[in-house]
Amino acid sequence: GASNMLRTISALARAGAAAISIEDQMFPKKCTIAAGSKIQIVNREEAVERVRGAIGARDLYHEQQQQPGLDDGKGTWIVARTDCRMAYGFDE
């Protein structure tokens, strides 16, 4: 949820993480190549909410710490990846 996202992103940013990866797979995660089309992912709205939540948590952390943001290259990057191609096909 949102509170877990805020806590996790803040902790990783505080630890100096250069980037944090957000994925759309459901738990338990599986190797995409081995699982093929059996991959289960969250719906599009939840995936977008995860990414927006991570960005918001990152920005809030940097504001609270009065640290530089991404505009000067010193902030924490949020990387979003999807497995929807394996779960739903290329057209999705």
C-alpha atoms as a PDB file:
ATOM      1  CA  GLY A   1       0.000   0.000   0.000  1.00  0.00           C
ATOM      2  CA  ALA A   2       0.866   3.665   0.042  1.00  0.00           C
ATOM      3  CA  SER A   3       2.387   3.647   3.538  1.00  0.00           C
ATOM      4  CA  ASN A   4       4.683   0.742   2.621  1.00  0.00           C
ATOM      5  CA  MET A   5       5.708   2.535  -0.559  1.00  0.00           C
ATOM      6  CA  LEU A   6       6.519   5.742   1.340  1.00  0.00           C
ATOM      7  CA  ARG A   7       8.535   3.894   3.975  1.00  0.00           C
ATOM      8  CA  THR A   8      10.425   1.745   1.460  1.00  0.00           C
ATOM      9  CA  ILE A   9      11.241   4.557  -0.980  1.00  0.00           C
ATOM     10  CA  SER A  10      12.345   6.833   1.893  1.00  0.00           C
ATOM     11  CA  ALA A  11      14.599   4.130   3.331  1.00  0.00           C
ATOM     12  CA  LEU A  12      16.192   3.377  -0.041  1.00  0.00           C
ATOM     13  CA  ALA A  13      16.701   7.077  -0.840  1.00  0.00           C
ATOM     14  CA  ARG A  14      18.210   7.622   2.628  1.00  0.00           C
ATOM     15  CA  ALA A  15      20.573   4.699   1.989  1.00  0.00           C
ATOM     16  CA  GLY A  16      21.720   6.439  -1.190  1.00  0.00           C
ATOM     17  CA  ALA A  17      20.003   4.252  -3.796  1.00  0.00           C
ATOM     18  CA  ALA A  18      20.636   5.622  -7.268  1.00  0.00           C
ATOM     19  CA  ALA A  19      17.514   3.923  -8.660  1.00  0.00           C
ATOM     20  CA  ILE A  20      14.507   1.917  -7.506  1.00  0.00           C
ATOM     21  CA  SER A  21      12.701  -0.541  -9.781  1.00  0.00           C
ATOM     22  CA  ILE A  22       8.906  -0.834  -9.678  1.00  0.00           C
ATOM     23  CA  GLU A  23       7.289  -3.868 -11.340  1.00  0.00           C
ATOM     24  CA  ASP A  24       3.766  -4.939 -12.181  1.00  0.00           C
ATOM     25  CA  GLN A  25       4.032  -8.652 -11.351  1.00  0.00           C
ATOM     26  CA  MET A  26       1.889 -10.081  -8.611  1.00  0.00           C
ATOM     27  CA  PHE A  27       3.423 -11.986  -5.701  1.00  0.00           C
ATOM     28  CA  PRO A  28       5.017 -14.476  -5.893  1.00  0.00           C
ATOM     29  CA  LYS A  29       7.152 -13.189  -8.745  1.00  0.00           C
ATOM     30  CA  LYS A  30       8.230 -15.633 -11.434  1.00  0.00           C
ATOM     31  CA  CYS A  31      10.944 -15.675 -14.059  1.00  0.00           C
ATOM     32  CA  THR A  32       9.288 -14.257 -17.164  1.00  0.00           C
ATOM     33  CA  ILE A  33      11.086 -16.597 -19.560  1.00  0.00           C
ATOM     34  CA  ALA A  34      10.340 -19.748 -17.551  1.00  0.00           C
ATOM     35  CA  ALA A  35       6.729 -18.843 -16.723  1.00  0.00           C
ATOM     36  CA  GLY A  36       5.811 -17.479 -20.161  1.00  0.00           C
ATOM     37  CA  SER A  37       2.159 -16.488 -20.419  1.00  0.00           C
ATOM     38  CA  LYS A  38       1.464 -17.717 -16.869  1.00  0.00           C
ATOM     39  CA  ILE A  39       2.809 -14.439 -15.489  1.00  0.00           C
ATOM     40  CA  GLN A  40       0.228 -12.624 -13.373  1.00  0.00           C
ATOM     41  CA  ILE A  41       0.328  -8.850 -13.316  1.00  0.00           C
ATOM     42  CA  VAL A  42      -1.708  -6.158 -11.613  1.00  0.00           C
ATOM     43  CA  ASN A  43      -4.192  -4.187 -13.692  1.00  0.00           C
ATOM     44  CA  ARG A  44      -3.068  -1.083 -15.539  1.00  0.00           C
ATOM     45  CA  GLU A  45      -4.548   1.341 -12.997  1.00  0.00           C
ATOM     46  CA  GLU A  46      -2.700  -0.292 -10.097  1.00  0.00           C
ATOM     47  CA  ALA A  47       0.556  -0.379 -12.066  1.00  0.00           C
ATOM     48  CA  VAL A  48       0.259   3.348 -12.802  1.00  0.00           C
ATOM     49  CA  GLU A  49      -0.625   4.028  -9.152  1.00  0.00           C
ATOM     50  CA  ARG A  50       2.504   2.154  -8.026  1.00  0.00           C
ATOM     51  CA  VAL A  51       4.718   4.287 -10.240  1.00  0.00           C
ATOM     52  CA  ARG A  52       3.033   7.547  -9.245  1.00  0.00           C
ATOM     53  CA  GLY A  53       3.238   6.536  -5.578  1.00  0.00           C
ATOM     54  CA  ALA A  54       6.950   5.802  -5.877  1.00  0.00           C
ATOM     55  CA  ILE A  55       7.624   9.127  -7.583  1.00  0.00           C
ATOM     56  CA  GLY A  56       5.565  10.984  -4.981  1.00  0.00           C
ATOM     57  CA  ALA A  57       7.340   9.231  -2.105  1.00  0.00           C
ATOM     58  CA  ARG A  58      10.731   9.990  -3.654  1.00  0.00           C
ATOM     59  CA  ASP A  59       9.875  13.650  -4.171  1.00  0.00           C
ATOM     60  CA  LEU A  60       8.463  13.971  -0.650  1.00  0.00           C
ATOM     61  CA  TYR A  61      11.614  12.441   0.829  1.00  0.00           C
ATOM     62  CA  HIS A  62      13.889  14.813  -1.086  1.00  0.00           C
ATOM     63  CA  GLU A  63      11.736  17.809  -0.104  1.00  0.00           C
ATOM     64  CA  GLN A  64      11.797  16.831   3.579  1.00  0.00           C
ATOM     65  CA  GLN A  65      15.547  16.341   3.492  1.00  0.00           C
ATOM     66  CA  GLN A  66      16.044  19.490   1.436  1.00  0.00           C
ATOM     67  CA  GLN A  67      18.076  17.414  -0.989  1.00  0.00           C
ATOM     68  CA  PRO A  68      18.517  18.045  -4.677  1.00  0.00           C
ATOM     69  CA  GLY A  69      16.061  16.481  -7.076  1.00  0.00           C
ATOM     70  CA  LEU A  70      16.508  14.864 -10.449  1.00  0.00           C
ATOM     71  CA  ASP A  71      16.931  18.167 -12.246  1.00  0.00           C
ATOM     72  CA  ASP A  72      20.583  18.269 -11.195  1.00  0.00           C
ATOM     73  CA  GLY A  73      21.233  14.514 -11.547  1.00  0.00           C
ATOM     74  CA  LYS A  74      21.574  13.808  -7.822  1.00  0.00           C
ATOM     75  CA  GLY A  75      18.123  12.416  -6.999  1.00  0.00           C
ATOM     76  CA  THR A  76      16.897   8.816  -6.843  1.00  0.00           C
ATOM     77  CA  TRP A  77      15.570   7.494 -10.161  1.00  0.00           C
ATOM     78  CA  ILE A  78      12.347   5.490 -10.346  1.00  0.00           C
ATOM     79  CA  VAL A  79      12.465   2.765 -13.011  1.00  0.00           C
ATOM     80  CA  ALA A  80       9.174   1.143 -14.050  1.00  0.00           C
ATOM     81  CA  ARG A  81       9.054  -2.111 -15.963  1.00  0.00           C
ATOM     82  CA  THR A  82       6.209  -4.315 -17.107  1.00  0.00           C
ATOM     83  CA  ASP A  83       5.619  -7.951 -17.929  1.00  0.00           C
ATOM     84  CA  CYS A  84       2.319  -7.253 -19.701  1.00  0.00           C
ATOM     85  CA  ARG A  85       3.721  -8.399 -23.049  1.00  0.00           C
ATOM     86  CA  MET A  86       4.255 -11.901 -21.657  1.00  0.00           C
ATOM     87  CA  ALA A  87       0.948 -11.892 -19.790  1.00  0.00           C
ATOM     88  CA  TYR A  88      -1.315 -10.333 -22.448  1.00  0.00           C
ATOM     89  CA  GLY A  89       0.640 -10.221 -25.693  1.00  0.00           C
ATOM     90  CA  PHE A  90       2.257  -7.443 -27.678  1.00  0.00           C
ATOM     91  CA  ASP A  91      -0.944  -5.520 -28.447  1.00  0.00           C
ATOM     92  CA  GLU A  92      -1.675  -4.744 -24.789  1.00  0.00           C
END
